[in-house]
Amino acid sequence: MIFKIIDMHCTSCAISIDGDLEDTGKIKSSKTNYAKAVTEVEFDAKLISEEEIISIIRKTGYTAKIND
């Protein structure tokens, strides 16, 4: 699933998002692209919901929404 990320300022922001998502233990992989302002997250919907992923990104300091 791809999420649009708002408010990223640099590649360190992308690294922070990936780290916080992967630290949950519920994310298979997270690849955030600063230049495109998106993060691609591979996860098991039985373990974590899209809303929870958005909440984690929000706690990291960024706004996220499902990329249309």
PDB file of N, CA and C in Angstrom:
ATOM      1  N   MET A   1       0.855  -1.167   0.000  1.00  0.00           N
ATOM      2  CA  MET A   1       0.000   0.000   0.000  1.00  0.00           C
ATOM      3  C   MET A   1       0.895   1.221   0.000  1.00  0.00           C
ATOM      4  N   ILE A   2       0.494   2.227  -0.754  1.00  0.00           N
ATOM      5  CA  ILE A   2       1.269   3.461  -0.839  1.00  0.00           C
ATOM      6  C   ILE A   2       0.540   4.574  -0.091  1.00  0.00           C
ATOM      7  N   PHE A   3       1.295   5.268   0.751  1.00  0.00           N
ATOM      8  CA  PHE A   3       0.775   6.389   1.519  1.00  0.00           C
ATOM      9  C   PHE A   3       1.470   7.663   1.064  1.00  0.00           C
ATOM     10  N   LYS A   4       0.708   8.718   0.885  1.00  0.00           N
ATOM     11  CA  LYS A   4       1.246  10.047   0.584  1.00  0.00           C
ATOM     12  C   LYS A   4       1.693  10.665   1.896  1.00  0.00           C
ATOM     13  N   ILE A   5       2.914  11.202   1.920  1.00  0.00           N
ATOM     14  CA  ILE A   5       3.462  11.810   3.137  1.00  0.00           C
ATOM     15  C   ILE A   5       3.582  13.312   2.927  1.00  0.00           C
ATOM     16  N   ILE A   6       3.063  14.063   3.880  1.00  0.00           N
ATOM     17  CA  ILE A   6       3.101  15.522   3.820  1.00  0.00           C
ATOM     18  C   ILE A   6       4.019  16.003   4.944  1.00  0.00           C
ATOM     19  N   ASP A   7       4.759  17.040   4.705  1.00  0.00           N
ATOM     20  CA  ASP A   7       5.617  17.689   5.707  1.00  0.00           C
ATOM     21  C   ASP A   7       7.024  17.114   5.811  1.00  0.00           C
ATOM     22  N   MET A   8       7.442  16.234   4.918  1.00  0.00           N
ATOM     23  CA  MET A   8       8.833  15.763   4.960  1.00  0.00           C
ATOM     24  C   MET A   8       9.735  16.879   4.461  1.00  0.00           C
ATOM     25  N   HIS A   9      10.883  17.030   5.137  1.00  0.00           N
ATOM     26  CA  HIS A   9      11.813  18.099   4.781  1.00  0.00           C
ATOM     27  C   HIS A   9      13.129  17.593   4.204  1.00  0.00           C
ATOM     28  N   CYS A  10      13.434  16.299   4.438  1.00  0.00           N
ATOM     29  CA  CYS A  10      14.729  15.787   3.992  1.00  0.00           C
ATOM     30  C   CYS A  10      14.720  14.254   4.010  1.00  0.00           C
ATOM     31  N   THR A  11      15.810  13.671   3.589  1.00  0.00           N
ATOM     32  CA  THR A  11      15.886  12.213   3.575  1.00  0.00           C
ATOM     33  C   THR A  11      15.907  11.627   4.988  1.00  0.00           C
ATOM     34  N   SER A  12      16.358  12.399   5.964  1.00  0.00           N
ATOM     35  CA  SER A  12      16.316  11.920   7.353  1.00  0.00           C
ATOM     36  C   SER A  12      14.877  11.702   7.808  1.00  0.00           C
ATOM     37  N   CYS A  13      13.973  12.513   7.305  1.00  0.00           N
ATOM     38  CA  CYS A  13      12.545  12.333   7.616  1.00  0.00           C
ATOM     39  C   CYS A  13      12.088  10.957   7.126  1.00  0.00           C
ATOM     40  N   ALA A  14      12.480  10.615   5.912  1.00  0.00           N
ATOM     41  CA  ALA A  14      12.108   9.325   5.327  1.00  0.00           C
ATOM     42  C   ALA A  14      12.668   8.180   6.162  1.00  0.00           C
ATOM     43  N   ILE A  15      13.894   8.309   6.601  1.00  0.00           N
ATOM     44  CA  ILE A  15      14.529   7.271   7.423  1.00  0.00           C
ATOM     45  C   ILE A  15      13.790   7.124   8.752  1.00  0.00           C
ATOM     46  N   SER A  16      13.360   8.235   9.338  1.00  0.00           N
ATOM     47  CA  SER A  16      12.615   8.196  10.599  1.00  0.00           C
ATOM     48  C   SER A  16      11.294   7.460  10.441  1.00  0.00           C
ATOM     49  N   ILE A  17      10.589   7.747   9.364  1.00  0.00           N
ATOM     50  CA  ILE A  17       9.298   7.091   9.113  1.00  0.00           C
ATOM     51  C   ILE A  17       9.500   5.585   8.981  1.00  0.00           C
ATOM     52  N   ASP A  18      10.462   5.184   8.143  1.00  0.00           N
ATOM     53  CA  ASP A  18      10.706   3.756   7.950  1.00  0.00           C
ATOM     54  C   ASP A  18      11.080   3.080   9.266  1.00  0.00           C
ATOM     55  N   GLY A  19      11.933   3.719  10.038  1.00  0.00           N
ATOM     56  CA  GLY A  19      12.355   3.138  11.307  1.00  0.00           C
ATOM     57  C   GLY A  19      11.211   2.955  12.282  1.00  0.00           C
ATOM     58  N   ASP A  20      10.379   3.972  12.410  1.00  0.00           N
ATOM     59  CA  ASP A  20       9.259   3.889  13.343  1.00  0.00           C
ATOM     60  C   ASP A  20       8.247   2.829  12.910  1.00  0.00           C
ATOM     61  N   LEU A  21       7.997   2.724  11.612  1.00  0.00           N
ATOM     62  CA  LEU A  21       7.069   1.703  11.135  1.00  0.00           C
ATOM     63  C   LEU A  21       7.634   0.301  11.358  1.00  0.00           C
ATOM     64  N   GLU A  22       8.888   0.114  11.019  1.00  0.00           N
ATOM     65  CA  GLU A  22       9.494  -1.213  11.155  1.00  0.00           C
ATOM     66  C   GLU A  22       9.671  -1.609  12.615  1.00  0.00           C
ATOM     67  N   ASP A  23       9.825  -0.637  13.498  1.00  0.00           N
ATOM     68  CA  ASP A  23       9.965  -0.919  14.931  1.00  0.00           C
ATOM     69  C   ASP A  23       8.713  -1.532  15.549  1.00  0.00           C
ATOM     70  N   THR A  24       7.570  -1.409  14.887  1.00  0.00           N
ATOM     71  CA  THR A  24       6.331  -1.979  15.421  1.00  0.00           C
ATOM     72  C   THR A  24       6.368  -3.501  15.416  1.00  0.00           C
ATOM     73  N   GLY A  25       7.170  -4.076  14.517  1.00  0.00           N
ATOM     74  CA  GLY A  25       7.192  -5.529  14.376  1.00  0.00           C
ATOM     75  C   GLY A  25       6.013  -6.064  13.585  1.00  0.00           C
ATOM     76  N   LYS A  26       5.169  -5.165  13.100  1.00  0.00           N
ATOM     77  CA  LYS A  26       3.981  -5.564  12.351  1.00  0.00           C
ATOM     78  C   LYS A  26       4.089  -5.220  10.866  1.00  0.00           C
ATOM     79  N   ILE A  27       5.189  -4.620  10.476  1.00  0.00           N
ATOM     80  CA  ILE A  27       5.394  -4.174   9.103  1.00  0.00           C
ATOM     81  C   ILE A  27       6.434  -5.077   8.446  1.00  0.00           C
ATOM     82  N   LYS A  28       6.095  -5.629   7.281  1.00  0.00           N
ATOM     83  CA  LYS A  28       7.056  -6.468   6.564  1.00  0.00           C
ATOM     84  C   LYS A  28       8.165  -5.610   5.976  1.00  0.00           C
ATOM     85  N   SER A  29       7.792  -4.483   5.362  1.00  0.00           N
ATOM     86  CA  SER A  29       8.797  -3.560   4.830  1.00  0.00           C
ATOM     87  C   SER A  29       8.177  -2.180   4.661  1.00  0.00           C
ATOM     88  N   SER A  30       9.043  -1.184   4.727  1.00  0.00           N
ATOM     89  CA  SER A  30       8.637   0.204   4.543  1.00  0.00           C
ATOM     90  C   SER A  30       9.728   0.896   3.739  1.00  0.00           C
ATOM     91  N   LYS A  31       9.345   1.498   2.628  1.00  0.00           N
ATOM     92  CA  LYS A  31      10.301   2.204   1.776  1.00  0.00           C
ATOM     93  C   LYS A  31       9.756   3.601   1.510  1.00  0.00           C
ATOM     94  N   THR A  32      10.301   4.580   2.190  1.00  0.00           N
ATOM     95  CA  THR A  32       9.855   5.953   2.039  1.00  0.00           C
ATOM     96  C   THR A  32      10.764   6.673   1.052  1.00  0.00           C
ATOM     97  N   ASN A  33      10.138   7.371   0.103  1.00  0.00           N
ATOM     98  CA  ASN A  33      10.864   8.118  -0.914  1.00  0.00           C
ATOM     99  C   ASN A  33      10.616   9.600  -0.682  1.00  0.00           C
ATOM    100  N   TYR A  34      11.650  10.303  -0.216  1.00  0.00           N
ATOM    101  CA  TYR A  34      11.519  11.733   0.068  1.00  0.00           C
ATOM    102  C   TYR A  34      11.152  12.529  -1.186  1.00  0.00           C
ATOM    103  N   ALA A  35      11.811  12.259  -2.303  1.00  0.00           N
ATOM    104  CA  ALA A  35      11.587  13.024  -3.535  1.00  0.00           C
ATOM    105  C   ALA A  35      10.154  12.896  -4.044  1.00  0.00           C
ATOM    106  N   LYS A  36       9.564  11.728  -3.868  1.00  0.00           N
ATOM    107  CA  LYS A  36       8.183  11.499  -4.333  1.00  0.00           C
ATOM    108  C   LYS A  36       7.151  11.743  -3.230  1.00  0.00           C
ATOM    109  N   ALA A  37       7.617  11.921  -1.999  1.00  0.00           N
ATOM    110  CA  ALA A  37       6.755  12.157  -0.837  1.00  0.00           C
ATOM    111  C   ALA A  37       5.748  11.028  -0.630  1.00  0.00           C
ATOM    112  N   VAL A  38       6.245   9.798  -0.733  1.00  0.00           N
ATOM    113  CA  VAL A  38       5.406   8.624  -0.513  1.00  0.00           C
ATOM    114  C   VAL A  38       6.170   7.586   0.294  1.00  0.00           C
ATOM    115  N   THR A  39       5.418   6.716   0.937  1.00  0.00           N
ATOM    116  CA  THR A  39       6.007   5.540   1.558  1.00  0.00           C
ATOM    117  C   THR A  39       5.220   4.323   1.111  1.00  0.00           C
ATOM    118  N   GLU A  40       5.932   3.301   0.707  1.00  0.00           N
ATOM    119  CA  GLU A  40       5.316   2.052   0.288  1.00  0.00           C
ATOM    120  C   GLU A  40       5.488   1.061   1.427  1.00  0.00           C
ATOM    121  N   VAL A  41       4.366   0.589   1.954  1.00  0.00           N
ATOM    122  CA  VAL A  41       4.386  -0.268   3.131  1.00  0.00           C
ATOM    123  C   VAL A  41       3.800  -1.628   2.780  1.00  0.00           C
ATOM    124  N   GLU A  42       4.557  -2.658   3.112  1.00  0.00           N
ATOM    125  CA  GLU A  42       4.069  -4.022   2.960  1.00  0.00           C
ATOM    126  C   GLU A  42       3.748  -4.530   4.355  1.00  0.00           C
ATOM    127  N   PHE A  43       2.490  -4.959   4.549  1.00  0.00           N
ATOM    128  CA  PHE A  43       2.056  -5.367   5.882  1.00  0.00           C
ATOM    129  C   PHE A  43       0.952  -6.402   5.795  1.00  0.00           C
ATOM    130  N   ASP A  44       0.709  -7.070   6.898  1.00  0.00           N
ATOM    131  CA  ASP A  44      -0.374  -8.041   7.018  1.00  0.00           C
ATOM    132  C   ASP A  44      -1.546  -7.333   7.689  1.00  0.00           C
ATOM    133  N   ALA A  45      -2.643  -7.200   6.973  1.00  0.00           N
ATOM    134  CA  ALA A  45      -3.819  -6.491   7.492  1.00  0.00           C
ATOM    135  C   ALA A  45      -4.398  -7.158   8.739  1.00  0.00           C
ATOM    136  N   LYS A  46      -4.025  -8.408   9.005  1.00  0.00           N
ATOM    137  CA  LYS A  46      -4.485  -9.076  10.228  1.00  0.00           C
ATOM    138  C   LYS A  46      -3.714  -8.565  11.455  1.00  0.00           C
ATOM    139  N   LEU A  47      -2.537  -7.992  11.218  1.00  0.00           N
ATOM    140  CA  LEU A  47      -1.705  -7.518  12.322  1.00  0.00           C
ATOM    141  C   LEU A  47      -1.811  -6.023  12.566  1.00  0.00           C
ATOM    142  N   ILE A  48      -2.035  -5.260  11.496  1.00  0.00           N
ATOM    143  CA  ILE A  48      -2.065  -3.795  11.614  1.00  0.00           C
ATOM    144  C   ILE A  48      -2.958  -3.223  10.515  1.00  0.00           C
ATOM    145  N   SER A  49      -3.683  -2.169  10.843  1.00  0.00           N
ATOM    146  CA  SER A  49      -4.592  -1.557   9.868  1.00  0.00           C
ATOM    147  C   SER A  49      -3.946  -0.343   9.204  1.00  0.00           C
ATOM    148  N   GLU A  50      -4.535   0.093   8.125  1.00  0.00           N
ATOM    149  CA  GLU A  50      -4.073   1.300   7.432  1.00  0.00           C
ATOM    150  C   GLU A  50      -4.143   2.499   8.363  1.00  0.00           C
ATOM    151  N   GLU A  51      -5.196   2.580   9.166  1.00  0.00           N
ATOM    152  CA  GLU A  51      -5.358   3.682  10.105  1.00  0.00           C
ATOM    153  C   GLU A  51      -4.260   3.687  11.150  1.00  0.00           C
ATOM    154  N   GLU A  52      -3.851   2.496  11.609  1.00  0.00           N
ATOM    155  CA  GLU A  52      -2.766   2.413  12.586  1.00  0.00           C
ATOM    156  C   GLU A  52      -1.447   2.868  11.967  1.00  0.00           C
ATOM    157  N   ILE A  53      -1.227   2.528  10.706  1.00  0.00           N
ATOM    158  CA  ILE A  53      -0.016   2.965  10.007  1.00  0.00           C
ATOM    159  C   ILE A  53       0.008   4.485   9.907  1.00  0.00           C
ATOM    160  N   ILE A  54      -1.114   5.063   9.532  1.00  0.00           N
ATOM    161  CA  ILE A  54      -1.209   6.523   9.454  1.00  0.00           C
ATOM    162  C   ILE A  54      -0.955   7.144  10.817  1.00  0.00           C
ATOM    163  N   SER A  55      -1.473   6.534  11.864  1.00  0.00           N
ATOM    164  CA  SER A  55      -1.267   7.038  13.227  1.00  0.00           C
ATOM    165  C   SER A  55       0.210   6.999  13.622  1.00  0.00           C
ATOM    166  N   ILE A  56       0.912   5.934  13.270  1.00  0.00           N
ATOM    167  CA  ILE A  56       2.345   5.832  13.568  1.00  0.00           C
ATOM    168  C   ILE A  56       3.105   6.931  12.839  1.00  0.00           C
ATOM    169  N   ILE A  57       2.773   7.149  11.583  1.00  0.00           N
ATOM    170  CA  ILE A  57       3.431   8.208  10.805  1.00  0.00           C
ATOM    171  C   ILE A  57       3.139   9.565  11.435  1.00  0.00           C
ATOM    172  N   ARG A  58       1.915   9.766  11.896  1.00  0.00           N
ATOM    173  CA  ARG A  58       1.539  11.021  12.545  1.00  0.00           C
ATOM    174  C   ARG A  58       2.352  11.228  13.824  1.00  0.00           C
ATOM    175  N   LYS A  59       2.535  10.158  14.614  1.00  0.00           N
ATOM    176  CA  LYS A  59       3.325  10.254  15.847  1.00  0.00           C
ATOM    177  C   LYS A  59       4.780  10.567  15.553  1.00  0.00           C
ATOM    178  N   THR A  60       5.256  10.180  14.371  1.00  0.00           N
ATOM    179  CA  THR A  60       6.629  10.476  13.967  1.00  0.00           C
ATOM    180  C   THR A  60       6.761  11.948  13.606  1.00  0.00           C
ATOM    181  N   GLY A  61       5.635  12.615  13.341  1.00  0.00           N
ATOM    182  CA  GLY A  61       5.660  14.062  13.082  1.00  0.00           C
ATOM    183  C   GLY A  61       5.234  14.466  11.684  1.00  0.00           C
ATOM    184  N   TYR A  62       4.610  13.530  10.957  1.00  0.00           N
ATOM    185  CA  TYR A  62       4.238  13.812   9.567  1.00  0.00           C
ATOM    186  C   TYR A  62       2.776  13.466   9.337  1.00  0.00           C
ATOM    187  N   THR A  63       2.208  14.045   8.316  1.00  0.00           N
ATOM    188  CA  THR A  63       0.833  13.765   7.920  1.00  0.00           C
ATOM    189  C   THR A  63       0.864  12.735   6.806  1.00  0.00           C
ATOM    190  N   ALA A  64      -0.043  11.773   6.885  1.00  0.00           N
ATOM    191  CA  ALA A  64      -0.098  10.731   5.853  1.00  0.00           C
ATOM    192  C   ALA A  64      -1.535  10.470   5.466  1.00  0.00           C
ATOM    193  N   LYS A  65      -1.700  10.038   4.232  1.00  0.00           N
ATOM    194  CA  LYS A  65      -3.010   9.597   3.755  1.00  0.00           C
ATOM    195  C   LYS A  65      -2.776   8.528   2.713  1.00  0.00           C
ATOM    196  N   ILE A  66      -3.787   7.725   2.475  1.00  0.00           N
ATOM    197  CA  ILE A  66      -3.682   6.692   1.456  1.00  0.00           C
ATOM    198  C   ILE A  66      -3.561   7.387   0.108  1.00  0.00           C
ATOM    199  N   ASN A  67      -2.579   6.975  -0.669  1.00  0.00           N
ATOM    200  CA  ASN A  67      -2.331   7.594  -1.975  1.00  0.00           C
ATOM    201  C   ASN A  67      -3.387   7.098  -2.953  1.00  0.00           C
ATOM    202  N   ASP A  68      -4.124   8.035  -3.534  1.00  0.00           N
ATOM    203  CA  ASP A  68      -5.199   7.667  -4.481  1.00  0.00           C
ATOM    204  C   ASP A  68      -4.656   7.266  -5.816  1.00  0.00           C
TER     205      ASP A  68
END
